[in-house]
Each structure stands twice: as C-alpha cells, then as structure tokens.
Amino acid sequence: MKFSNYFSPTLNENPAEAEIISHKLMIRAGLVNQASTGIYSWLPLGLKVLKKIEQIVREEQKNAGAIEILMPTIQSADLWIKSGRYKDYGKEMLRIQDRSGREMLYGPTNEELITDIFQSYVNSYKELPLNLFHIQWKFRDEVRPRFGVMRGREFLMKDNYSFDLSQEEAKISYDKMFTAYIKTFLRMGLTPISLRADTGPIGGDLSHEFQILAKTGESTLYYDKELETLDPEKIEPEKLQSYYAAVDDIYDEKNCPINQDQLKISKGIEVGHIFYFGTKYSEKLGAYIQDNKGEKRLVHMGSYGIGISRLVGAIIEAFHDDRGIIWPIPVAPFHISLINLMTEDDKCNEVSENLYNNLLNKNIEVLFDDRKFSIGKKLSDNDLIGIPYQIIIGKRDLKENLIEVKDRKTYKSQKLDPDQAFNFLINEINSKI
C-alpha cells in the first residue's frame, strides 16, 4: 500500500481526553476515531490490527474443536427474564424497546441465547461434546469509559460456549479452552499469565482469567516465574493451572506457597476469562439431553471470552516506547515501512519502487511511504505507527548502493545493499509470522 493513497491520519500531540498510553497512541497513530464516549470508529491501520487478532483467535478456536456461528447484537429480554439476569445485570446493560413496545437489549454476553439455540436442536448425548463460538460486537455501559478501547462501551469480543453430559466431561472442554487461550496469546507475541478468578455475574465455581504482561498494566501480578516459559503443547492443563499466580488485592506474602526466589512481580492486563458454571443456565432455560439410558439430564456448560478490541490496546501497553507503538509481527498492520526520503530523486524512486514490488510478490505487507513530506515527518510518523521493520532509502546511502534497515523494537539499524536487505527481511519476517 502506498502511503500517499492510504488513509492514516497522524497527530503530533497527545489528545486531551486520553489518559493511558494505548489511548494516546491509538489516537495519535490514526488507529481509531472517537465517535462518542467509549465508542470508536476503527480507521484502516487499526482495523488491520483488529482483523489480524481476530483471525488468530478464530484459528485457535477451530484448532481446539469449536465451531463458528454468529449471534445478533440485539436480543429479546424474554430469555434474560427467564434466567433471572435481566434485573440483576445492572446499569451496564443497555435496555431498549422496539416499535411494538417489546423489551430488548444490546447483548453484553450470550449465555441465554446460546442455551436457547442448543435446546432447540440438541437432545441426545450422541451429539456431545459441542462447542460453539462467535466473534461479535457487544455493549456494556461502563461507568467511566475513559481508557480508550481498553474499557470502551462498545467492544469486539470472542465468546464461546461448551456443552457436555457431565461435570467430568465439561472439565475436559474447559481444559481444552484453557490451553487454546495460552496458545492464542503466545501467537500474538504476548506473555500470558493465568489466575484462578471470581466467577462474578456469570456464575459457577470454576474460573480463570488471563492477563498479559505489560509494563504499564493496570494490575500487579505475583506469580511463579516458570509461567513465563511454559509450553502449552508439552504440559497438561491441570499442571498449568496448578502454578501459583495472584493479583495484588489477593496476594498475601505470609500465605504465598512458593519461595521468594521463585516469585515474579510484574504488571498485567486482563484480556480473557473462562468459566465452568455447570447447569446454571440449562436448568433455567430447559436445556436437557437424553443419556445412554434414555434419561433426561441437564447439560453442563462453560463460557469463554476474549476481548479482541481490548487486545489492541493491551498489546500497545505491552509494546511501546517514547517514539510510539512497537507491533509484534503477527499482529502488525504491515510488516515493513518502506520510506523513500527523497521522492524528487530518480534513483531513490527507482530503488524504492523495485523493492516495493519485489516484497509484494513475496506476500510481504508493505506500507510504502512515498509522500512528499519532510524527512523528519516521515521518520516520526513511521516510528509512531510502529511497523516492525523500516527500510530507509536516501540519496547519500545509494551513492554506495546501500539502504538502511531498521528494527523498530531494538531501534538498531544496518546498511545493506538492496538485494541483501530484501533477502534478510524475507527470512526475518517469514520466521516470525
């Protein structure tokens, strides 16, 4: 994509309404535009990141055996009244009426609706286990939606729901999702820490939340340092769940079960939550199945959520510096910023165009900065938007047939000839995607 043909508005100054790093950088880098308090339009760069995160989540859900559906944003209040949550949910739920006066709501979650779908079609143990997921926009009327997409009112979320014959089988489904979540966050270049958690309004007695390490995180985490290096492919979920981890308001130094030299303290941000709640919803909504003896039994359920739009902000909180965002390659909007410093120079234009086309032919995503702006503006804009690698082409270096290749994360650069730069970047990017 040529920058001159792209829509990526950048700002030099921090917006007055932004309080946290991710909110400031998302506005400045032109990822989102605030439509109203806690509600955002996603601009091209931000949307590309959002879609990449969504695709990683989708792939890991399918790898774990979940099947994708799509439920509506607007739900009838009838099921929520039947489950008892309509009045209990609180002011976070946006309640509306249709033209006929029927009570409706903008869904904050989908336990009721998915249970109704299940009971409409599934009635035999032979059809279990079943796990259904969707990726959909939701709305919760937050009291103080002032932290950008980290705590917006409208947000994109993956939620899925497992259905099993018994508690024992439901735990197997729960463990599969636990492992899938660890894999999902690792694929994004993040370090996930899992913690036992309160079930809150969802209900049940088994729950884990997933935090990712971020230097400007909102929580302080105390955990076994081995959690930073565990491979979910090689360790059973039960073992993973047994490691010690606690947030600051729960941590008690006197009751900590691990040695201080094994304890790590870091900042984190919650990005996912999973629950097993048994028959809470199936009982209230009549979701029965017939077992192998012909007897009716309530189905056992679990629910699992990942904040996809929240992850965009969380990744920025984890990866940034004083110049701007530093995207991990798997979620970056582009792999390379190709910066032509001298658009009035024929040689710079020729080398830039050749590299651009050759990289595109290798399916490398390139943002080609061909704008007729000052060198300072181009360099600061590209640092701000945080694409992992920069190719900087200038008249002086080309006299020696050299171009500059810069790693946005380390900010280290090297001078290579165009062919060397091309081969180096192809290998680097393909090894990390």
Protein backbone atom coordinates (compact mmCIF):
# COMPACT_ATOMS: atom_id res chain seq x y z
CA MET A 1 0.00 0.00 0.00
CA LYS A 2 1.34 3.43 -0.93
CA PHE A 3 1.07 5.88 1.93
CA SER A 4 0.07 8.67 -0.48
CA ASN A 5 -3.06 6.65 -1.38
CA TYR A 6 -3.80 5.48 2.15
CA PHE A 7 -5.92 6.99 4.92
CA SER A 8 -3.75 7.13 8.03
CA PRO A 9 -4.10 10.48 9.83
CA THR A 10 -1.43 11.10 12.48
CA LEU A 11 -1.21 13.70 15.24
CA ASN A 12 1.90 15.29 16.75
CA GLU A 13 0.36 15.96 20.16
CA ASN A 14 -1.43 13.75 22.65
CA PRO A 15 -5.22 14.18 22.65
CA ALA A 16 -6.52 15.96 25.75
CA GLU A 17 -9.11 13.29 26.57
CA ALA A 18 -6.64 10.36 26.56
CA GLU A 19 -5.28 9.21 29.94
CA ILE A 20 -3.38 5.98 29.24
CA ILE A 21 -0.58 5.20 26.78
CA SER A 22 -2.59 2.97 24.45
CA HIS A 23 -5.41 5.50 24.12
CA LYS A 24 -2.95 8.31 23.36
CA LEU A 25 -1.03 6.29 20.79
CA MET A 26 -4.11 4.85 19.09
CA ILE A 27 -5.48 8.35 18.52
CA ARG A 28 -2.12 9.84 17.51
CA ALA A 29 -1.29 6.96 15.14
CA GLY A 30 -4.71 7.16 13.47
CA LEU A 31 -5.94 3.73 14.53
CA VAL A 32 -9.32 4.88 15.85
CA ASN A 33 -11.53 7.94 15.99
CA GLN A 34 -13.82 8.58 18.93
CA ALA A 35 -17.47 8.64 17.84
CA SER A 36 -18.78 9.25 21.37
CA THR A 37 -17.66 8.41 24.89
CA GLY A 38 -16.30 4.86 24.88
CA ILE A 39 -17.34 4.21 21.26
CA TYR A 40 -14.86 4.30 18.37
CA SER A 41 -14.67 4.14 14.61
CA TRP A 42 -11.83 1.88 13.50
CA LEU A 43 -9.64 3.52 10.86
CA PRO A 44 -7.62 1.49 8.31
CA LEU A 45 -4.47 0.81 10.37
CA GLY A 46 -6.44 -0.05 13.50
CA LEU A 47 -8.84 -2.25 11.56
CA LYS A 48 -5.96 -4.24 10.06
CA VAL A 49 -4.60 -4.98 13.53
CA LEU A 50 -8.08 -5.82 14.83
CA LYS A 51 -8.65 -8.28 11.97
CA LYS A 52 -5.28 -9.99 12.49
CA ILE A 53 -6.01 -10.51 16.17
CA GLU A 54 -9.48 -11.77 15.28
CA GLN A 55 -8.04 -14.28 12.81
CA ILE A 56 -5.52 -15.69 15.30
CA VAL A 57 -8.31 -16.11 17.84
CA ARG A 58 -10.55 -17.76 15.23
CA GLU A 59 -7.85 -20.20 14.12
CA GLU A 60 -7.06 -21.32 17.68
CA GLN A 61 -10.75 -21.76 18.46
CA LYS A 62 -11.14 -24.02 15.45
CA ASN A 63 -7.94 -25.88 16.32
CA ALA A 64 -9.50 -26.64 19.72
CA GLY A 65 -12.66 -28.03 18.10
CA ALA A 66 -15.00 -25.04 18.44
CA ILE A 67 -17.47 -24.33 15.61
CA GLU A 68 -18.17 -20.79 14.48
CA ILE A 69 -21.66 -19.27 14.40
CA LEU A 70 -22.88 -15.68 14.59
CA MET A 71 -25.46 -14.42 17.08
CA PRO A 72 -27.12 -11.00 16.87
CA THR A 73 -26.13 -7.89 18.80
CA ILE A 74 -29.75 -7.20 19.80
CA GLN A 75 -31.51 -9.79 21.96
CA SER A 76 -35.03 -10.20 23.31
CA ALA A 77 -35.30 -9.60 27.05
CA ASP A 78 -37.52 -12.69 27.43
CA LEU A 79 -34.65 -15.16 27.85
CA TRP A 80 -32.86 -12.88 30.29
CA ILE A 81 -36.02 -12.52 32.36
CA LYS A 82 -36.34 -16.31 32.36
CA SER A 83 -32.74 -16.77 33.54
CA GLY A 84 -33.16 -14.13 36.23
CA ARG A 85 -30.36 -11.91 34.96
CA TYR A 86 -32.41 -9.15 33.33
CA LYS A 87 -32.84 -7.14 36.52
CA ASP A 88 -29.68 -8.40 38.19
CA TYR A 89 -27.24 -7.36 35.47
CA GLY A 90 -27.35 -3.69 36.41
CA LYS A 91 -26.99 -0.42 34.55
CA GLU A 92 -24.18 -1.79 32.34
CA MET A 93 -26.88 -3.42 30.19
CA LEU A 94 -28.38 -1.17 27.52
CA ARG A 95 -32.13 -1.82 27.59
CA ILE A 96 -34.32 -0.68 24.69
CA GLN A 97 -37.82 -1.19 23.28
CA ASP A 98 -38.76 -1.98 19.71
CA ARG A 99 -41.63 -0.18 17.94
CA SER A 100 -44.15 -2.66 19.40
CA GLY A 101 -43.02 -1.97 22.95
CA ARG A 102 -41.20 -5.29 23.38
CA GLU A 103 -38.27 -5.21 25.80
CA MET A 104 -34.95 -5.69 24.01
CA LEU A 105 -31.31 -5.32 24.94
CA TYR A 106 -27.91 -4.84 23.33
CA GLY A 107 -26.17 -8.07 24.29
CA PRO A 108 -23.34 -7.79 26.83
CA THR A 109 -22.88 -11.58 26.69
CA ASN A 110 -24.67 -14.61 25.21
CA GLU A 111 -25.23 -17.38 27.78
CA GLU A 112 -29.01 -17.16 27.49
CA LEU A 113 -29.18 -17.00 23.72
CA ILE A 114 -26.73 -19.84 23.09
CA THR A 115 -28.53 -22.05 25.62
CA ASP A 116 -31.80 -21.42 23.79
CA ILE A 117 -30.15 -22.31 20.47
CA PHE A 118 -28.78 -25.52 21.97
CA GLN A 119 -32.04 -26.68 23.50
CA SER A 120 -33.85 -26.02 20.20
CA TYR A 121 -31.72 -28.53 18.28
CA VAL A 122 -29.73 -30.89 20.51
CA ASN A 123 -31.39 -33.60 22.60
CA SER A 124 -29.05 -36.62 22.63
CA TYR A 125 -25.75 -37.37 24.35
CA LYS A 126 -24.52 -38.65 20.97
CA GLU A 127 -24.29 -35.04 19.77
CA LEU A 128 -21.94 -34.07 22.60
CA PRO A 129 -19.47 -32.60 23.30
CA LEU A 130 -20.38 -29.42 21.44
CA ASN A 131 -18.56 -26.10 21.49
CA LEU A 132 -19.89 -23.06 19.61
CA PHE A 133 -18.15 -19.69 19.25
CA HIS A 134 -18.76 -16.37 17.62
CA ILE A 135 -16.99 -13.03 17.24
CA GLN A 136 -19.38 -10.13 17.67
CA TRP A 137 -19.68 -6.56 18.89
CA LYS A 138 -21.08 -6.11 22.39
CA PHE A 139 -22.12 -3.20 24.55
CA ARG A 140 -21.71 -2.54 28.25
CA ASP A 141 -22.48 0.90 29.59
CA GLU A 142 -19.30 1.38 31.63
CA VAL A 143 -19.45 3.99 34.39
CA ARG A 144 -16.10 5.55 33.40
CA PRO A 145 -15.22 4.60 29.81
CA ARG A 146 -12.13 6.82 29.73
CA PHE A 147 -9.34 4.39 28.82
CA GLY A 148 -9.91 4.08 25.08
CA VAL A 149 -10.55 0.57 23.74
CA MET A 150 -9.21 -0.90 26.99
CA ARG A 151 -12.52 -0.06 28.63
CA GLY A 152 -14.88 1.04 25.90
CA ARG A 153 -18.64 0.73 25.94
CA GLU A 154 -18.80 -0.97 22.54
CA PHE A 155 -16.22 -3.71 22.03
CA LEU A 156 -15.45 -6.71 19.84
CA MET A 157 -15.37 -10.00 21.71
CA LYS A 158 -14.95 -13.68 21.02
CA ASP A 159 -17.21 -15.73 23.23
CA ASN A 160 -17.82 -19.46 23.05
CA TYR A 161 -19.85 -21.99 24.97
CA SER A 162 -19.26 -25.66 25.68
CA PHE A 163 -21.98 -28.31 26.25
CA ASP A 164 -21.26 -31.64 27.92
CA LEU A 165 -23.06 -34.56 29.51
CA SER A 166 -21.37 -34.37 32.91
CA GLN A 167 -19.11 -32.27 35.11
CA GLU A 168 -16.16 -34.54 34.34
CA GLU A 169 -16.62 -34.16 30.59
CA ALA A 170 -17.22 -30.42 30.96
CA LYS A 171 -13.85 -30.11 32.69
CA ILE A 172 -12.22 -31.69 29.64
CA SER A 173 -13.80 -29.00 27.44
CA TYR A 174 -12.72 -26.34 29.94
CA ASP A 175 -9.13 -27.59 29.85
CA LYS A 176 -9.07 -27.55 26.04
CA MET A 177 -10.09 -23.90 26.09
CA PHE A 178 -7.56 -23.11 28.78
CA THR A 179 -4.77 -24.45 26.57
CA ALA A 180 -6.21 -22.74 23.47
CA TYR A 181 -6.10 -19.39 25.27
CA ILE A 182 -2.45 -19.78 26.21
CA LYS A 183 -1.62 -20.67 22.59
CA THR A 184 -3.65 -17.73 21.28
CA PHE A 185 -1.80 -15.11 23.31
CA LEU A 186 1.61 -16.66 22.63
CA ARG A 187 0.93 -16.45 18.89
CA MET A 188 0.47 -12.69 19.29
CA GLY A 189 3.90 -12.33 20.85
CA LEU A 190 2.46 -11.86 24.34
CA THR A 191 3.33 -13.47 27.69
CA PRO A 192 0.09 -14.80 29.26
CA ILE A 193 -0.35 -15.45 32.98
CA SER A 194 -3.40 -17.47 34.11
CA LEU A 195 -5.01 -16.92 37.51
CA ARG A 196 -7.90 -18.51 39.39
CA ALA A 197 -10.68 -15.94 39.37
CA ASP A 198 -14.04 -14.97 40.79
CA THR A 199 -16.97 -16.04 38.61
CA GLY A 200 -18.92 -12.81 39.13
CA PRO A 201 -22.34 -12.42 37.42
CA ILE A 202 -21.63 -15.31 35.02
CA GLY A 203 -21.90 -17.79 37.90
CA GLY A 204 -20.36 -21.16 38.65
CA ASP A 205 -17.46 -22.27 40.82
CA LEU A 206 -14.54 -22.64 38.39
CA SER A 207 -12.98 -19.74 36.55
CA HIS A 208 -9.61 -18.48 35.27
CA GLU A 209 -8.67 -15.08 33.98
CA PHE A 210 -5.79 -14.48 31.59
CA GLN A 211 -3.52 -11.49 31.97
CA ILE A 212 -0.75 -10.48 29.61
CA LEU A 213 2.41 -8.85 30.89
CA ALA A 214 2.59 -5.14 30.13
CA LYS A 215 4.89 -2.56 31.68
CA THR A 216 2.02 -0.09 32.00
CA GLY A 217 -0.53 -2.73 33.07
CA GLU A 218 -3.45 -1.99 35.38
CA SER A 219 -2.85 -4.92 37.77
CA THR A 220 0.15 -6.07 39.78
CA LEU A 221 0.72 -9.80 39.38
CA TYR A 222 2.56 -12.16 41.73
CA TYR A 223 3.34 -15.48 40.08
CA ASP A 224 5.68 -18.40 39.71
CA LYS A 225 8.32 -17.26 37.23
CA GLU A 226 8.11 -20.61 35.41
CA LEU A 227 4.78 -19.42 33.98
CA GLU A 228 6.71 -17.15 31.60
CA THR A 229 8.40 -20.07 29.87
CA LEU A 230 5.90 -22.93 29.90
CA ASP A 231 4.98 -24.59 26.60
CA PRO A 232 1.23 -25.42 26.48
CA GLU A 233 1.92 -28.07 23.85
CA LYS A 234 4.03 -30.07 26.31
CA ILE A 235 2.28 -29.56 29.65
CA GLU A 236 -1.12 -30.86 30.71
CA PRO A 237 -3.74 -28.17 31.50
CA GLU A 238 -4.08 -29.44 35.06
CA LYS A 239 -0.36 -28.82 35.58
CA LEU A 240 -0.56 -25.37 34.01
CA GLN A 241 -3.48 -24.48 36.26
CA SER A 242 -1.58 -25.58 39.36
CA TYR A 243 1.09 -22.87 39.17
CA TYR A 244 0.78 -20.05 41.68
CA ALA A 245 -0.45 -16.66 40.46
CA ALA A 246 -2.40 -13.88 42.19
CA VAL A 247 -3.30 -10.23 41.68
CA ASP A 248 -2.28 -7.60 44.20
CA ASP A 249 -5.58 -7.43 46.11
CA ILE A 250 -5.46 -11.21 46.74
CA TYR A 251 -1.74 -11.78 47.20
CA ASP A 252 -0.66 -12.42 50.80
CA GLU A 253 3.08 -12.69 51.38
CA LYS A 254 2.59 -14.77 54.54
CA ASN A 255 0.43 -17.35 52.71
CA CYS A 256 2.33 -17.44 49.43
CA PRO A 257 3.05 -21.15 48.69
CA ILE A 258 6.27 -20.61 46.70
CA ASN A 259 9.71 -19.36 47.68
CA GLN A 260 10.52 -15.69 47.21
CA ASP A 261 13.32 -16.51 44.75
CA GLN A 262 10.71 -18.26 42.57
CA LEU A 263 8.22 -15.37 42.79
CA LYS A 264 7.98 -12.82 39.97
CA ILE A 265 6.21 -9.46 40.27
CA SER A 266 5.01 -7.76 37.08
CA LYS A 267 2.26 -5.56 35.72
CA GLY A 268 -0.54 -7.15 33.72
CA ILE A 269 -3.75 -6.54 31.80
CA GLU A 270 -6.71 -8.90 31.72
CA VAL A 271 -7.59 -9.98 28.17
CA GLY A 272 -9.56 -13.20 28.64
CA HIS A 273 -11.78 -15.06 31.09
CA ILE A 274 -13.16 -18.60 31.13
CA PHE A 275 -15.92 -20.15 33.28
CA TYR A 276 -17.44 -23.50 34.09
CA PHE A 277 -20.92 -22.95 35.57
CA GLY A 278 -22.49 -26.38 35.32
CA THR A 279 -26.28 -26.40 34.90
CA LYS A 280 -27.00 -22.80 35.96
CA TYR A 281 -28.45 -21.78 32.59
CA SER A 282 -29.59 -25.15 31.30
CA GLU A 283 -31.82 -25.58 34.36
CA LYS A 284 -33.48 -22.20 34.00
CA LEU A 285 -33.86 -22.41 30.22
CA GLY A 286 -34.76 -26.10 29.89
CA ALA A 287 -31.68 -27.42 28.09
CA TYR A 288 -31.95 -31.19 28.60
CA ILE A 289 -30.32 -34.07 26.81
CA GLN A 290 -31.08 -37.77 26.81
CA ASP A 291 -28.28 -40.01 28.13
CA ASN A 292 -27.47 -43.57 27.03
CA LYS A 293 -30.12 -44.92 29.40
CA GLY A 294 -32.85 -42.76 27.89
CA GLU A 295 -32.98 -40.46 30.90
CA LYS A 296 -33.22 -36.67 30.64
CA ARG A 297 -30.29 -34.79 32.08
CA LEU A 298 -29.39 -31.12 32.28
CA VAL A 299 -26.47 -30.22 30.05
CA HIS A 300 -23.29 -28.93 31.70
CA MET A 301 -21.95 -25.66 30.27
CA GLY A 302 -18.93 -23.41 30.22
CA SER A 303 -18.32 -20.00 28.65
CA TYR A 304 -15.10 -18.44 27.41
CA GLY A 305 -14.36 -14.85 26.44
CA ILE A 306 -11.51 -12.93 24.79
CA GLY A 307 -11.62 -9.16 24.37
CA ILE A 308 -10.43 -8.74 20.78
CA SER A 309 -10.67 -4.95 20.58
CA ARG A 310 -9.28 -4.71 24.12
CA LEU A 311 -6.27 -6.72 22.95
CA VAL A 312 -5.31 -3.96 20.51
CA GLY A 313 -4.88 -1.56 23.42
CA ALA A 314 -3.28 -4.22 25.64
CA ILE A 315 -0.64 -5.04 23.02
CA ILE A 316 0.25 -1.35 22.75
CA GLU A 317 0.53 -1.14 26.54
CA ALA A 318 2.92 -4.10 26.36
CA PHE A 319 4.94 -2.87 23.39
CA HIS A 320 5.72 0.83 23.03
CA ASP A 321 8.46 3.36 23.65
CA ASP A 322 8.69 7.14 23.75
CA ARG A 323 8.53 7.25 19.94
CA GLY A 324 5.31 5.28 19.57
CA ILE A 325 3.92 1.77 19.07
CA ILE A 326 6.05 -1.35 18.51
CA TRP A 327 3.87 -4.04 16.90
CA PRO A 328 4.76 -7.74 17.19
CA ILE A 329 4.97 -9.12 13.65
CA PRO A 330 1.94 -11.48 13.89
CA VAL A 331 -0.48 -8.60 14.56
CA ALA A 332 1.28 -5.70 12.82
CA PRO A 333 -0.80 -3.80 10.24
CA PHE A 334 2.14 -4.10 7.82
CA HIS A 335 5.43 -5.98 8.07
CA ILE A 336 7.63 -3.26 6.60
CA SER A 337 7.63 0.53 6.31
CA LEU A 338 9.45 1.39 3.09
CA ILE A 339 10.46 5.03 3.46
CA ASN A 340 11.64 6.99 0.43
CA LEU A 341 13.34 10.06 1.90
CA MET A 342 13.92 11.75 -1.48
CA THR A 343 10.85 11.46 -3.70
CA GLU A 344 12.31 14.07 -6.06
CA ASP A 345 15.36 11.85 -6.79
CA ASP A 346 15.08 9.40 -9.70
CA LYS A 347 17.44 6.81 -8.20
CA CYS A 348 15.62 6.79 -4.85
CA ASN A 349 12.33 6.36 -6.66
CA GLU A 350 13.64 3.53 -8.83
CA VAL A 351 15.13 1.53 -5.95
CA SER A 352 12.04 2.14 -3.78
CA GLU A 353 9.62 1.01 -6.47
CA ASN A 354 11.65 -2.11 -7.27
CA LEU A 355 11.89 -3.15 -3.62
CA TYR A 356 8.21 -2.43 -3.06
CA ASN A 357 7.09 -4.61 -5.95
CA ASN A 358 9.52 -7.43 -5.12
CA LEU A 359 8.34 -7.55 -1.50
CA LEU A 360 4.70 -7.58 -2.56
CA ASN A 361 5.46 -10.50 -4.88
CA LYS A 362 6.67 -12.42 -1.80
CA ASN A 363 3.39 -11.66 0.03
CA ILE A 364 5.11 -9.27 2.41
CA GLU A 365 2.82 -6.48 3.58
CA VAL A 366 4.49 -3.14 2.90
CA LEU A 367 3.47 0.42 3.66
CA PHE A 368 5.42 2.45 1.07
CA ASP A 369 5.91 5.99 2.33
CA ASP A 370 6.08 7.87 -0.96
CA ARG A 371 4.60 11.06 0.47
CA LYS A 372 6.19 14.41 -0.43
CA PHE A 373 6.74 15.31 3.22
CA SER A 374 9.83 16.33 5.16
CA ILE A 375 12.30 13.67 6.26
CA GLY A 376 11.53 14.40 9.91
CA LYS A 377 7.78 13.98 9.40
CA LYS A 378 8.22 10.67 7.58
CA LEU A 379 10.57 9.21 10.17
CA SER A 380 8.48 10.31 13.15
CA ASP A 381 5.22 9.06 11.58
CA ASN A 382 6.70 5.64 10.85
CA ASP A 383 8.14 5.36 14.35
CA LEU A 384 4.74 6.33 15.75
CA ILE A 385 2.71 3.70 13.87
CA GLY A 386 5.24 1.04 14.87
CA ILE A 387 5.58 -1.27 11.88
CA PRO A 388 8.23 -3.90 12.84
CA TYR A 389 10.84 -3.16 10.16
CA GLN A 390 11.78 0.00 8.31
CA ILE A 391 13.64 0.28 5.03
CA ILE A 392 15.01 3.81 4.72
CA ILE A 393 16.16 4.87 1.26
CA GLY A 394 18.17 8.06 0.89
CA LYS A 395 20.31 9.70 -1.76
CA ARG A 396 23.53 9.65 0.27
CA ASP A 397 23.48 5.90 1.02
CA LEU A 398 22.52 4.98 -2.53
CA LYS A 399 25.76 6.52 -3.80
CA GLU A 400 27.37 3.45 -2.24
CA ASN A 401 24.46 1.16 -3.27
CA LEU A 402 23.30 0.91 0.35
CA ILE A 403 19.96 1.28 2.09
CA GLU A 404 19.19 1.32 5.82
CA VAL A 405 17.23 -1.49 7.50
CA LYS A 406 15.97 -0.66 10.99
CA ASP A 407 14.37 -2.91 13.61
CA ARG A 408 11.60 -0.86 15.23
CA LYS A 409 11.80 -2.82 18.51
CA THR A 410 15.54 -2.54 19.15
CA TYR A 411 16.00 0.60 17.04
CA LYS A 412 19.19 -0.91 15.69
CA SER A 413 19.94 -0.40 12.02
CA GLN A 414 22.30 -1.77 9.41
CA LYS A 415 23.35 -0.68 5.95
CA LEU A 416 22.87 -3.31 3.26
CA ASP A 417 22.67 -3.35 -0.50
CA PRO A 418 19.08 -3.70 -1.79
CA ASP A 419 19.39 -7.43 -2.56
CA GLN A 420 20.86 -8.18 0.87
CA ALA A 421 18.13 -6.14 2.54
CA PHE A 422 15.45 -7.96 0.58
CA ASN A 423 16.73 -11.44 1.49
CA PHE A 424 17.34 -10.51 5.12
CA LEU A 425 13.81 -9.18 5.62
CA ILE A 426 12.14 -12.08 3.82
CA ASN A 427 13.86 -14.53 6.18
CA GLU A 428 13.21 -12.45 9.29
CA ILE A 429 9.51 -11.94 8.62
CA ASN A 430 8.72 -15.46 7.43
CA SER A 431 10.36 -16.90 10.56
CA LYS A 432 8.13 -14.81 12.84
CA ILE A 433 4.72 -14.73 11.19
